Amino acid sequence: MQHPYFLGDLRIIDNLKISSLFRHLNNRKIRQKYTKALQISHILQRRANVCSGGEKARANILRGIIERKHILLIDEPTAHLDFKNSQIVAKLLSELSANKIVIVTTHQPSLFKSGNTIFLRIKNGVFHEDNNII
């Protein structure tokens, strides 16, 4: 999604728990680990409608992680973030790519340069590998 969807009157923590309920996932330990990594512990008890765009963006990444998906498709994960938080998110997504497929669209490819990164460009509707992006 271009903009993370949260139920505004619910706390971030409750929004994160909703999808796990339907899949009967116990993801408390995973949630705690990545909440700390994304530096969003301070927003878990806030209602979603008072969180900033960057806080919601990081909470949305957390939602994808705790749902234990094998593939993460993330559109512009750093668009609403300052440089420090962009680096945190990029590093985390790079680490996650060791165990799952992480596909990121970005206008900041330099943040995502790592050993297991493949850059693709779309030209005339065709994908082309381009490791000279940076």
Protein backbone atom coordinates (compact mmCIF):
# COMPACT_ATOMS: atom_id res chain seq x y z
CA MET A 1 0.00 0.00 0.00
CA GLN A 2 1.16 3.54 -0.69
CA HIS A 3 -0.12 4.56 2.74
CA PRO A 4 -0.27 2.08 5.62
CA TYR A 5 -3.82 1.29 6.64
CA PHE A 6 -4.57 1.23 10.33
CA LEU A 7 -7.82 1.46 12.22
CA GLY A 8 -7.36 4.95 13.64
CA ASP A 9 -9.22 4.53 16.91
CA LEU A 10 -7.26 1.42 17.83
CA ARG A 11 -3.80 1.40 19.32
CA ILE A 12 -0.94 0.35 17.06
CA ILE A 13 -0.47 -2.83 19.11
CA ASP A 14 -4.12 -3.80 18.54
CA ASN A 15 -3.83 -3.10 14.82
CA LEU A 16 -0.81 -5.41 14.71
CA LYS A 17 -2.67 -8.18 16.53
CA ILE A 18 -5.75 -8.16 14.31
CA SER A 19 -4.40 -10.09 11.32
CA SER A 20 -2.60 -12.56 13.57
CA LEU A 21 -5.88 -13.49 15.22
CA PHE A 22 -7.24 -14.97 12.02
CA ARG A 23 -4.14 -17.06 11.46
CA HIS A 24 -3.79 -18.06 15.14
CA LEU A 25 -0.20 -16.85 15.26
CA ASN A 26 1.62 -16.31 18.51
CA ASN A 27 4.07 -13.67 17.39
CA ARG A 28 4.81 -11.88 20.66
CA LYS A 29 8.56 -12.65 20.68
CA ILE A 30 8.96 -11.74 17.03
CA ARG A 31 6.97 -8.54 17.58
CA GLN A 32 9.14 -7.55 20.54
CA LYS A 33 12.38 -8.20 18.66
CA TYR A 34 11.46 -6.19 15.59
CA THR A 35 9.66 -3.44 17.50
CA LYS A 36 12.98 -2.77 19.16
CA ALA A 37 14.91 -3.03 15.87
CA LEU A 38 12.56 -0.55 14.16
CA GLN A 39 12.66 1.72 17.22
CA ILE A 40 8.87 1.99 17.57
CA SER A 41 8.31 0.68 21.09
CA HIS A 42 7.13 4.14 22.11
CA ILE A 43 4.15 4.10 19.71
CA LEU A 44 2.60 0.71 20.48
CA GLN A 45 0.14 2.14 23.00
CA ARG A 46 -0.77 5.16 20.84
CA ARG A 47 -3.90 5.27 18.75
CA ALA A 48 -2.98 4.96 15.10
CA ASN A 49 -4.63 8.24 14.13
CA VAL A 50 -2.11 10.24 16.20
CA CYS A 51 1.02 8.55 14.79
CA SER A 52 3.14 10.19 12.13
CA GLY A 53 3.46 8.82 8.61
CA GLY A 54 6.94 7.52 9.38
CA GLU A 55 5.79 5.77 12.54
CA LYS A 56 2.95 4.11 10.64
CA ALA A 57 5.33 3.12 7.84
CA ARG A 58 7.63 1.34 10.31
CA ALA A 59 4.66 -0.26 12.09
CA ASN A 60 3.44 -1.50 8.72
CA ILE A 61 6.82 -3.12 8.03
CA LEU A 62 6.57 -4.74 11.45
CA ARG A 63 3.11 -6.05 10.53
CA GLY A 64 4.56 -7.77 7.46
CA ILE A 65 7.35 -9.31 9.51
CA ILE A 66 5.21 -10.65 12.34
CA GLU A 67 2.77 -12.26 9.93
CA ARG A 68 5.65 -14.57 9.01
CA LYS A 69 5.35 -14.06 5.28
CA HIS A 70 7.94 -15.77 3.09
CA ILE A 71 7.86 -12.89 0.62
CA LEU A 72 7.76 -9.21 1.55
CA LEU A 73 6.82 -6.81 -1.22
CA ILE A 74 7.45 -3.31 0.06
CA ASP A 75 6.77 -0.12 -1.87
CA GLU A 76 8.96 2.84 -0.90
CA PRO A 77 9.63 1.79 2.71
CA THR A 78 11.73 4.88 3.39
CA ALA A 79 9.49 7.48 1.73
CA HIS A 80 8.20 8.94 5.01
CA LEU A 81 11.36 8.50 7.04
CA ASP A 82 14.32 10.65 7.97
CA PHE A 83 17.78 9.44 6.98
CA LYS A 84 18.52 7.68 10.29
CA ASN A 85 15.28 5.70 10.25
CA SER A 86 15.72 4.99 6.53
CA GLN A 87 19.07 3.38 7.32
CA ILE A 88 17.52 1.32 10.12
CA VAL A 89 14.75 0.04 7.85
CA ALA A 90 17.12 -0.70 4.96
CA LYS A 91 19.50 -2.62 7.23
CA LEU A 92 16.66 -4.64 8.73
CA LEU A 93 15.21 -5.52 5.32
CA SER A 94 18.67 -6.56 4.17
CA GLU A 95 19.01 -8.85 7.20
CA LEU A 96 15.56 -10.32 6.58
CA SER A 97 16.51 -11.11 2.98
CA ALA A 98 18.80 -13.87 4.27
CA ASN A 99 15.70 -15.95 5.15
CA LYS A 100 12.97 -14.67 2.86
CA ILE A 101 12.43 -12.89 -0.41
CA VAL A 102 12.33 -9.13 0.07
CA ILE A 103 11.30 -7.05 -2.92
CA VAL A 104 11.60 -3.29 -2.48
CA THR A 105 10.71 -0.45 -4.82
CA THR A 106 12.71 2.64 -4.01
CA HIS A 107 14.01 5.97 -5.21
CA GLN A 108 16.95 5.53 -2.81
CA PRO A 109 18.80 2.45 -4.11
CA SER A 110 22.02 3.38 -2.30
CA LEU A 111 20.32 2.47 1.00
CA PHE A 112 19.68 -1.06 -0.20
CA LYS A 113 23.09 -1.95 -1.60
CA SER A 114 24.14 -5.21 0.01
CA GLY A 115 25.70 -8.48 -1.03
CA ASN A 116 22.40 -10.17 -1.74
CA THR A 117 20.79 -7.32 -3.69
CA ILE A 118 19.74 -7.48 -7.31
CA PHE A 119 18.68 -4.19 -8.88
CA LEU A 120 16.12 -4.26 -11.64
CA ARG A 121 14.95 -1.44 -13.86
CA ILE A 122 11.87 -1.51 -16.01
CA LYS A 123 12.46 -0.18 -19.49
CA ASN A 124 9.71 -0.34 -22.10
CA GLY A 125 7.82 -2.80 -19.91
CA VAL A 126 10.75 -5.22 -19.59
CA PHE A 127 12.86 -5.93 -16.50
CA HIS A 128 16.61 -5.47 -16.86
CA GLU A 129 19.20 -6.29 -14.22
CA ASP A 130 21.23 -3.17 -13.46
CA ASN A 131 23.86 -3.39 -10.74
CA ASN A 132 25.32 -0.03 -11.78
CA ILE A 133 22.39 1.91 -10.33
CA ILE A 134 24.49 3.54 -7.66
